[in-house]
PDB file of N, CA and C in Angstrom:
ATOM      1  N   MET A   1     -72.081 -69.234 -62.127  1.00  0.00           N
ATOM      2  CA  MET A   1     -72.683 -70.235 -61.587  1.00  0.00           C
ATOM      3  C   MET A   1     -71.528 -70.775 -60.554  1.00  0.00           C
ATOM      4  N   LYS A   2     -70.001 -70.434 -59.790  1.00  0.00           N
ATOM      5  CA  LYS A   2     -69.712 -70.543 -59.367  1.00  0.00           C
ATOM      6  C   LYS A   2     -70.172 -70.001 -57.771  1.00  0.00           C
ATOM      7  N   ASN A   3     -70.557 -68.263 -58.203  1.00  0.00           N
ATOM      8  CA  ASN A   3     -71.294 -68.017 -56.889  1.00  0.00           C
ATOM      9  C   ASN A   3     -72.928 -68.663 -56.810  1.00  0.00           C
ATOM     10  N   THR A   4     -73.294 -69.509 -57.867  1.00  0.00           N
ATOM     11  CA  THR A   4     -74.266 -70.158 -57.114  1.00  0.00           C
ATOM     12  C   THR A   4     -73.589 -71.454 -56.230  1.00  0.00           C
ATOM     13  N   GLU A   5     -73.186 -71.739 -57.028  1.00  0.00           N
ATOM     14  CA  GLU A   5     -72.770 -73.089 -56.399  1.00  0.00           C
ATOM     15  C   GLU A   5     -72.484 -72.655 -55.004  1.00  0.00           C
ATOM     16  N   ALA A   6     -71.780 -71.826 -54.318  1.00  0.00           N
ATOM     17  CA  ALA A   6     -71.277 -71.144 -53.029  1.00  0.00           C
ATOM     18  C   ALA A   6     -72.538 -71.028 -52.754  1.00  0.00           C
ATOM     19  N   ASN A   7     -73.881 -70.020 -53.120  1.00  0.00           N
ATOM     20  CA  ASN A   7     -74.783 -69.842 -52.113  1.00  0.00           C
ATOM     21  C   ASN A   7     -75.300 -70.678 -52.559  1.00  0.00           C
ATOM     22  N   MET A   8     -75.357 -71.757 -52.600  1.00  0.00           N
ATOM     23  CA  MET A   8     -75.790 -73.190 -52.553  1.00  0.00           C
ATOM     24  C   MET A   8     -75.167 -73.844 -51.630  1.00  0.00           C
ATOM     25  N   GLU A   9     -73.866 -74.056 -51.388  1.00  0.00           N
ATOM     26  CA  GLU A   9     -73.251 -74.461 -49.954  1.00  0.00           C
ATOM     27  C   GLU A   9     -73.726 -73.719 -48.495  1.00  0.00           C
ATOM     28  N   ALA A  10     -74.035 -72.399 -48.778  1.00  0.00           N
ATOM     29  CA  ALA A  10     -73.904 -71.819 -47.194  1.00  0.00           C
ATOM     30  C   ALA A  10     -75.634 -71.942 -47.481  1.00  0.00           C
ATOM     31  N   LEU A  11     -76.416 -71.823 -48.097  1.00  0.00           N
ATOM     32  CA  LEU A  11     -77.609 -72.220 -48.148  1.00  0.00           C
ATOM     33  C   LEU A  11     -77.748 -73.435 -47.155  1.00  0.00           C
ATOM     34  N   PHE A  12     -77.286 -74.481 -47.902  1.00  0.00           N
ATOM     35  CA  PHE A  12     -77.696 -76.020 -47.056  1.00  0.00           C
ATOM     36  C   PHE A  12     -76.540 -75.990 -45.467  1.00  0.00           C
ATOM     37  N   ASP A  13     -75.652 -75.115 -45.679  1.00  0.00           N
ATOM     38  CA  ASP A  13     -75.009 -75.048 -43.739  1.00  0.00           C
ATOM     39  C   ASP A  13     -76.230 -74.520 -43.110  1.00  0.00           C
ATOM     40  N   GLU A  14     -76.557 -73.345 -43.497  1.00  0.00           N
ATOM     41  CA  GLU A  14     -77.397 -72.972 -42.919  1.00  0.00           C
ATOM     42  C   GLU A  14     -79.341 -73.781 -42.153  1.00  0.00           C
ATOM     43  N   ILE A  15     -79.419 -74.412 -43.133  1.00  0.00           N
ATOM     44  CA  ILE A  15     -80.364 -75.592 -43.684  1.00  0.00           C
ATOM     45  C   ILE A  15     -79.766 -76.652 -42.260  1.00  0.00           C
ATOM     46  N   VAL A  16     -78.750 -77.030 -42.436  1.00  0.00           N
ATOM     47  CA  VAL A  16     -78.417 -77.887 -41.480  1.00  0.00           C
ATOM     48  C   VAL A  16     -78.292 -77.341 -40.079  1.00  0.00           C
ATOM     49  N   GLU A  17     -77.872 -76.061 -39.985  1.00  0.00           N
ATOM     50  CA  GLU A  17     -77.195 -75.421 -38.438  1.00  0.00           C
ATOM     51  C   GLU A  17     -79.115 -75.128 -37.942  1.00  0.00           C
ATOM     52  N   ARG A  18     -79.919 -74.774 -38.535  1.00  0.00           N
ATOM     53  CA  ARG A  18     -81.190 -74.915 -38.080  1.00  0.00           C
ATOM     54  C   ARG A  18     -82.093 -75.855 -38.327  1.00  0.00           C
ATOM     55  N   GLY A  19     -81.373 -76.826 -38.569  1.00  0.00           N
ATOM     56  CA  GLY A  19     -82.744 -78.113 -38.905  1.00  0.00           C
ATOM     57  C   GLY A  19     -82.161 -78.688 -37.257  1.00  0.00           C
ATOM     58  N   ARG A  20     -80.638 -78.665 -37.444  1.00  0.00           N
ATOM     59  CA  ARG A  20     -80.050 -78.900 -36.064  1.00  0.00           C
ATOM     60  C   ARG A  20     -80.373 -78.387 -34.960  1.00  0.00           C
ATOM     61  N   ALA A  21     -80.664 -77.247 -34.580  1.00  0.00           N
ATOM     62  CA  ALA A  21     -81.316 -76.387 -33.432  1.00  0.00           C
ATOM     63  C   ALA A  21     -82.613 -76.663 -33.551  1.00  0.00           C
ATOM     64  N   GLU A  22     -83.874 -76.919 -34.565  1.00  0.00           N
ATOM     65  CA  GLU A  22     -85.398 -77.202 -34.599  1.00  0.00           C
ATOM     66  C   GLU A  22     -85.820 -78.422 -34.389  1.00  0.00           C
ATOM     67  N   GLY A  23     -84.669 -79.809 -34.056  1.00  0.00           N
ATOM     68  CA  GLY A  23     -84.908 -80.572 -34.304  1.00  0.00           C
ATOM     69  C   GLY A  23     -85.579 -81.457 -35.149  1.00  0.00           C
ATOM     70  N   VAL A  24     -85.321 -80.637 -36.556  1.00  0.00           N
ATOM     71  CA  VAL A  24     -86.232 -81.548 -38.272  1.00  0.00           C
ATOM     72  C   VAL A  24     -85.378 -82.755 -38.478  1.00  0.00           C
ATOM     73  N   GLU A  25     -86.271 -83.995 -38.220  1.00  0.00           N
ATOM     74  CA  GLU A  25     -86.017 -85.299 -38.406  1.00  0.00           C
ATOM     75  C   GLU A  25     -86.519 -85.909 -38.811  1.00  0.00           C
ATOM     76  N   ASP A  26     -87.743 -85.344 -39.962  1.00  0.00           N
ATOM     77  CA  ASP A  26     -88.416 -85.962 -41.128  1.00  0.00           C
ATOM     78  C   ASP A  26     -88.415 -85.263 -42.342  1.00  0.00           C
ATOM     79  N   GLU A  27     -88.528 -85.825 -43.429  1.00  0.00           N
ATOM     80  CA  GLU A  27     -88.367 -85.542 -44.951  1.00  0.00           C
ATOM     81  C   GLU A  27     -89.501 -84.318 -45.165  1.00  0.00           C
ATOM     82  N   GLN A  28     -90.274 -83.939 -45.048  1.00  0.00           N
ATOM     83  CA  GLN A  28     -91.272 -82.367 -44.774  1.00  0.00           C
ATOM     84  C   GLN A  28     -90.841 -82.029 -43.995  1.00  0.00           C
ATOM     85  N   ALA A  29     -90.763 -81.836 -42.606  1.00  0.00           N
ATOM     86  CA  ALA A  29     -90.502 -80.983 -41.801  1.00  0.00           C
ATOM     87  C   ALA A  29     -88.868 -80.132 -42.944  1.00  0.00           C
ATOM     88  N   PHE A  30     -88.142 -81.379 -43.322  1.00  0.00           N
ATOM     89  CA  PHE A  30     -86.622 -80.813 -44.241  1.00  0.00           C
ATOM     90  C   PHE A  30     -87.047 -79.876 -45.260  1.00  0.00           C
ATOM     91  N   ARG A  31     -88.501 -80.399 -46.104  1.00  0.00           N
ATOM     92  CA  ARG A  31     -88.356 -79.476 -47.345  1.00  0.00           C
ATOM     93  C   ARG A  31     -89.309 -78.530 -46.843  1.00  0.00           C
ATOM     94  N   ASP A  32     -89.860 -77.939 -46.082  1.00  0.00           N
ATOM     95  CA  ASP A  32     -90.385 -76.700 -45.163  1.00  0.00           C
ATOM     96  C   ASP A  32     -89.670 -75.964 -44.803  1.00  0.00           C
ATOM     97  N   LEU A  33     -88.193 -76.759 -44.453  1.00  0.00           N
ATOM     98  CA  LEU A  33     -87.157 -75.962 -43.672  1.00  0.00           C
ATOM     99  C   LEU A  33     -86.251 -75.384 -45.011  1.00  0.00           C
ATOM    100  N   VAL A  34     -85.666 -75.902 -46.263  1.00  0.00           N
ATOM    101  CA  VAL A  34     -85.329 -75.577 -47.262  1.00  0.00           C
ATOM    102  C   VAL A  34     -86.149 -74.112 -48.346  1.00  0.00           C
ATOM    103  N   GLU A  35     -87.369 -73.981 -48.313  1.00  0.00           N
ATOM    104  CA  GLU A  35     -88.667 -73.523 -48.746  1.00  0.00           C
ATOM    105  C   GLU A  35     -88.120 -72.259 -47.984  1.00  0.00           C
ATOM    106  N   GLU A  36     -88.411 -71.955 -46.900  1.00  0.00           N
ATOM    107  CA  GLU A  36     -88.556 -70.964 -46.003  1.00  0.00           C
ATOM    108  C   GLU A  36     -86.637 -70.647 -45.972  1.00  0.00           C
ATOM    109  N   VAL A  37     -85.628 -71.294 -45.840  1.00  0.00           N
ATOM    110  CA  VAL A  37     -84.171 -70.823 -45.405  1.00  0.00           C
ATOM    111  C   VAL A  37     -84.000 -69.910 -47.472  1.00  0.00           C
ATOM    112  N   VAL A  38     -84.469 -70.874 -48.452  1.00  0.00           N
ATOM    113  CA  VAL A  38     -84.136 -70.020 -49.594  1.00  0.00           C
ATOM    114  C   VAL A  38     -84.744 -68.325 -49.630  1.00  0.00           C
ATOM    115  N   MET A  39     -86.078 -68.952 -49.368  1.00  0.00           N
ATOM    116  CA  MET A  39     -86.655 -67.773 -49.667  1.00  0.00           C
ATOM    117  C   MET A  39     -86.712 -66.513 -48.792  1.00  0.00           C
ATOM    118  N   ASP A  40     -86.179 -66.829 -47.579  1.00  0.00           N
ATOM    119  CA  ASP A  40     -85.983 -65.635 -46.480  1.00  0.00           C
ATOM    120  C   ASP A  40     -84.490 -64.923 -46.893  1.00  0.00           C
ATOM    121  N   ASN A  41     -83.669 -65.784 -47.123  1.00  0.00           N
ATOM    122  CA  ASN A  41     -82.309 -65.124 -47.924  1.00  0.00           C
ATOM    123  C   ASN A  41     -82.380 -64.454 -49.604  1.00  0.00           C
ATOM    124  N   GLY A  42     -82.950 -65.001 -50.140  1.00  0.00           N
ATOM    125  CA  GLY A  42     -83.358 -64.627 -50.880  1.00  0.00           C
ATOM    126  C   GLY A  42     -83.373 -63.430 -51.307  1.00  0.00           C
ATOM    127  N   GLU A  43     -84.974 -63.067 -50.636  1.00  0.00           N
ATOM    128  CA  GLU A  43     -85.680 -61.857 -50.179  1.00  0.00           C
ATOM    129  C   GLU A  43     -84.881 -61.333 -49.695  1.00  0.00           C
ATOM    130  N   ASP A  44     -84.314 -61.141 -48.395  1.00  0.00           N
ATOM    131  CA  ASP A  44     -83.195 -60.652 -48.303  1.00  0.00           C
ATOM    132  C   ASP A  44     -82.009 -60.249 -48.760  1.00  0.00           C
ATOM    133  N   GLU A  45     -81.274 -60.535 -49.881  1.00  0.00           N
ATOM    134  CA  GLU A  45     -80.540 -60.538 -50.523  1.00  0.00           C
ATOM    135  C   GLU A  45     -80.898 -60.209 -51.708  1.00  0.00           C
ATOM    136  N   GLY A  46     -82.052 -60.139 -52.282  1.00  0.00           N
ATOM    137  CA  GLY A  46     -82.504 -59.849 -53.453  1.00  0.00           C
ATOM    138  C   GLY A  46     -82.391 -60.475 -55.003  1.00  0.00           C
ATOM    139  N   TRP A  47     -82.137 -61.629 -54.485  1.00  0.00           N
ATOM    140  CA  TRP A  47     -81.422 -62.563 -56.310  1.00  0.00           C
ATOM    141  C   TRP A  47     -82.691 -63.457 -56.062  1.00  0.00           C
ATOM    142  N   TYR A  48     -83.879 -63.869 -54.792  1.00  0.00           N
ATOM    143  CA  TYR A  48     -85.012 -64.700 -55.259  1.00  0.00           C
ATOM    144  C   TYR A  48     -85.787 -64.074 -56.407  1.00  0.00           C
ATOM    145  N   GLU A  49     -85.822 -65.088 -57.041  1.00  0.00           N
ATOM    146  CA  GLU A  49     -86.656 -65.074 -58.062  1.00  0.00           C
ATOM    147  C   GLU A  49     -87.441 -66.363 -58.593  1.00  0.00           C
ATOM    148  N   GLU A  50     -88.430 -66.371 -58.753  1.00  0.00           N
ATOM    149  CA  GLU A  50     -89.410 -67.680 -58.321  1.00  0.00           C
ATOM    150  C   GLU A  50     -88.533 -68.944 -59.373  1.00  0.00           C
ATOM    151  N   ASP A  51     -88.087 -68.844 -60.355  1.00  0.00           N
ATOM    152  CA  ASP A  51     -86.884 -69.512 -61.260  1.00  0.00           C
ATOM    153  C   ASP A  51     -86.105 -69.824 -60.473  1.00  0.00           C
ATOM    154  N   GLU A  52     -85.003 -68.941 -60.194  1.00  0.00           N
ATOM    155  CA  GLU A  52     -83.846 -69.028 -59.697  1.00  0.00           C
ATOM    156  C   GLU A  52     -84.169 -69.668 -58.400  1.00  0.00           C
ATOM    157  N   GLY A  53     -84.884 -69.485 -57.120  1.00  0.00           N
ATOM    158  CA  GLY A  53     -85.323 -69.827 -56.260  1.00  0.00           C
ATOM    159  C   GLY A  53     -86.212 -71.530 -56.337  1.00  0.00           C
ATOM    160  N   GLY A  54     -86.919 -71.766 -57.311  1.00  0.00           N
ATOM    161  CA  GLY A  54     -87.250 -72.410 -57.104  1.00  0.00           C
ATOM    162  C   GLY A  54     -86.218 -73.892 -57.579  1.00  0.00           C
ATOM    163  N   GLU A  55     -85.526 -74.155 -58.556  1.00  0.00           N
ATOM    164  CA  GLU A  55     -84.549 -74.315 -58.769  1.00  0.00           C
ATOM    165  C   GLU A  55     -83.625 -74.773 -57.883  1.00  0.00           C
ATOM    166  N   MET A  56     -83.123 -73.349 -57.536  1.00  0.00           N
ATOM    167  CA  MET A  56     -82.187 -73.909 -55.522  1.00  0.00           C
ATOM    168  C   MET A  56     -82.940 -74.847 -54.358  1.00  0.00           C
ATOM    169  N   MET A  57     -84.613 -74.632 -54.563  1.00  0.00           N
ATOM    170  CA  MET A  57     -85.014 -75.308 -53.598  1.00  0.00           C
ATOM    171  C   MET A  57     -85.432 -76.620 -53.537  1.00  0.00           C
ATOM    172  N   GLU A  58     -85.396 -77.040 -55.207  1.00  0.00           N
ATOM    173  CA  GLU A  58     -85.863 -78.701 -55.934  1.00  0.00           C
ATOM    174  C   GLU A  58     -84.102 -79.314 -55.380  1.00  0.00           C
ATOM    175  N   GLN A  59     -82.976 -78.590 -55.974  1.00  0.00           N
ATOM    176  CA  GLN A  59     -81.599 -79.081 -55.657  1.00  0.00           C
ATOM    177  C   GLN A  59     -81.657 -79.222 -54.354  1.00  0.00           C
ATOM    178  N   LEU A  60     -81.902 -78.539 -53.652  1.00  0.00           N
ATOM    179  CA  LEU A  60     -81.067 -78.838 -51.429  1.00  0.00           C
ATOM    180  C   LEU A  60     -82.229 -79.564 -51.191  1.00  0.00           C
ATOM    181  N   ARG A  61     -84.212 -79.547 -51.908  1.00  0.00           N
ATOM    182  CA  ARG A  61     -84.438 -80.398 -50.922  1.00  0.00           C
ATOM    183  C   ARG A  61     -83.851 -82.153 -51.762  1.00  0.00           C
ATOM    184  N   GLY A  62     -83.170 -81.950 -52.146  1.00  0.00           N
ATOM    185  CA  GLY A  62     -83.213 -83.283 -53.209  1.00  0.00           C
ATOM    186  C   GLY A  62     -81.305 -84.008 -52.310  1.00  0.00           C
ATOM    187  N   ARG A  63     -81.288 -83.020 -51.817  1.00  0.00           N
ATOM    188  CA  ARG A  63     -79.992 -83.524 -50.302  1.00  0.00           C
ATOM    189  C   ARG A  63     -80.438 -83.467 -49.014  1.00  0.00           C
ATOM    190  N   TRP A  64     -81.862 -84.878 -49.020  1.00  0.00           N
ATOM    191  CA  TRP A  64     -82.185 -84.981 -47.860  1.00  0.00           C
ATOM    192  C   TRP A  64     -81.261 -86.226 -47.132  1.00  0.00           C
ATOM    193  N   GLU A  65     -80.738 -86.523 -47.485  1.00  0.00           N
ATOM    194  CA  GLU A  65     -79.768 -87.971 -47.480  1.00  0.00           C
ATOM    195  C   GLU A  65     -78.628 -87.324 -46.618  1.00  0.00           C
ATOM    196  N   GLU A  66     -78.144 -86.665 -47.518  1.00  0.00           N
ATOM    197  CA  GLU A  66     -76.925 -85.914 -47.206  1.00  0.00           C
ATOM    198  C   GLU A  66     -77.464 -84.900 -45.891  1.00  0.00           C
ATOM    199  N   TYR A  67     -78.325 -84.332 -45.700  1.00  0.00           N
ATOM    200  CA  TYR A  67     -78.356 -83.094 -44.538  1.00  0.00           C
ATOM    201  C   TYR A  67     -78.698 -84.337 -43.653  1.00  0.00           C
ATOM    202  N   ARG A  68     -78.993 -85.478 -43.470  1.00  0.00           N
ATOM    203  CA  ARG A  68     -79.753 -86.822 -42.311  1.00  0.00           C
ATOM    204  C   ARG A  68     -78.368 -87.049 -41.711  1.00  0.00           C
ATOM    205  N   GLU A  69     -77.407 -87.566 -42.957  1.00  0.00           N
ATOM    206  CA  GLU A  69     -75.929 -87.894 -42.502  1.00  0.00           C
ATOM    207  C   GLU A  69     -75.265 -86.206 -41.465  1.00  0.00           C
ATOM    208  N   ALA A  70     -75.297 -85.246 -42.050  1.00  0.00           N
ATOM    209  CA  ALA A  70     -74.672 -84.213 -41.323  1.00  0.00           C
ATOM    210  C   ALA A  70     -75.107 -83.611 -40.226  1.00  0.00           C
ATOM    211  N   VAL A  71     -76.886 -84.117 -39.788  1.00  0.00           N
ATOM    212  CA  VAL A  71     -77.035 -84.319 -38.322  1.00  0.00           C
ATOM    213  C   VAL A  71     -77.341 -85.479 -37.616  1.00  0.00           C
ATOM    214  N   GLY A  72     -76.813 -85.866 -38.082  1.00  0.00           N
ATOM    215  CA  GLY A  72     -76.205 -87.660 -37.612  1.00  0.00           C
ATOM    216  C   GLY A  72     -78.087 -88.337 -37.137  1.00  0.00           C
ATOM    217  N   LEU A  73     -78.890 -88.550 -38.727  1.00  0.00           N
ATOM    218  CA  LEU A  73     -79.647 -89.319 -37.751  1.00  0.00           C
ATOM    219  C   LEU A  73     -79.497 -90.291 -39.066  1.00  0.00           C
ATOM    220  N   THR A  74     -79.089 -90.801 -39.509  1.00  0.00           N
ATOM    221  CA  THR A  74     -78.276 -92.070 -40.112  1.00  0.00           C
ATOM    222  C   THR A  74     -78.197 -93.187 -38.939  1.00  0.00           C
ATOM    223  N   ALA A  75     -77.929 -94.365 -39.487  1.00  0.00           N
ATOM    224  CA  ALA A  75     -77.892 -95.449 -38.725  1.00  0.00           C
ATOM    225  C   ALA A  75     -78.018 -96.621 -39.886  1.00  0.00           C
ATOM    226  N   SER A  76     -77.096 -97.474 -39.056  1.00  0.00           N
ATOM    227  CA  SER A  76     -76.114 -98.252 -40.277  1.00  0.00           C
ATOM    228  C   SER A  76     -77.419 -99.779 -39.967  1.00  0.00           C
ATOM    229  N   ALA A  77     -77.601-100.406 -40.757  1.00  0.00           N
ATOM    230  CA  ALA A  77     -78.118-101.076 -40.871  1.00  0.00           C
ATOM    231  C   ALA A  77     -77.904-102.008 -39.655  1.00  0.00           C
ATOM    232  N   GLU A  78     -77.166-102.463 -38.872  1.00  0.00           N
ATOM    233  CA  GLU A  78     -77.230-103.079 -37.840  1.00  0.00           C
ATOM    234  C   GLU A  78     -77.807-102.629 -36.722  1.00  0.00           C
ATOM    235  N   GLU A  79     -77.339-101.469 -36.775  1.00  0.00           N
ATOM    236  CA  GLU A  79     -78.206-100.411 -35.852  1.00  0.00           C
ATOM    237  C   GLU A  79     -79.487-100.629 -35.548  1.00  0.00           C
ATOM    238  N   ILE A  80     -80.475-100.858 -36.781  1.00  0.00           N
ATOM    239  CA  ILE A  80     -81.590-100.792 -37.009  1.00  0.00           C
ATOM    240  C   ILE A  80     -82.032-102.093 -36.766  1.00  0.00           C
ATOM    241  N   GLU A  81     -81.381-102.667 -36.653  1.00  0.00           N
ATOM    242  CA  GLU A  81     -81.649-104.514 -36.544  1.00  0.00           C
ATOM    243  C   GLU A  81     -81.830-104.738 -35.489  1.00  0.00           C
ATOM    244  N   GLN A  82     -81.271-104.243 -34.307  1.00  0.00           N
ATOM    245  CA  GLN A  82     -81.145-104.260 -32.980  1.00  0.00           C
ATOM    246  C   GLN A  82     -82.114-104.166 -31.753  1.00  0.00           C
TER     247      GLN A  82
END
């Protein structure tokens, strides 16, 4: 379990780095990037299986708000109203 959690964090860090570099700013592009990163890493390292990879993708896709914060896409309500 710890190894899976460590892999998940490493994948999320890669998603944030690539998303920042590629200018990923909407949720659909984020979801596509998550799929790309999980599949690339899983196939390269030999651990990707449909069940495990699919579960990781869903968990990582659920971190959209955390991703937005990490790349600086969040704005406070005051900033939006102005």
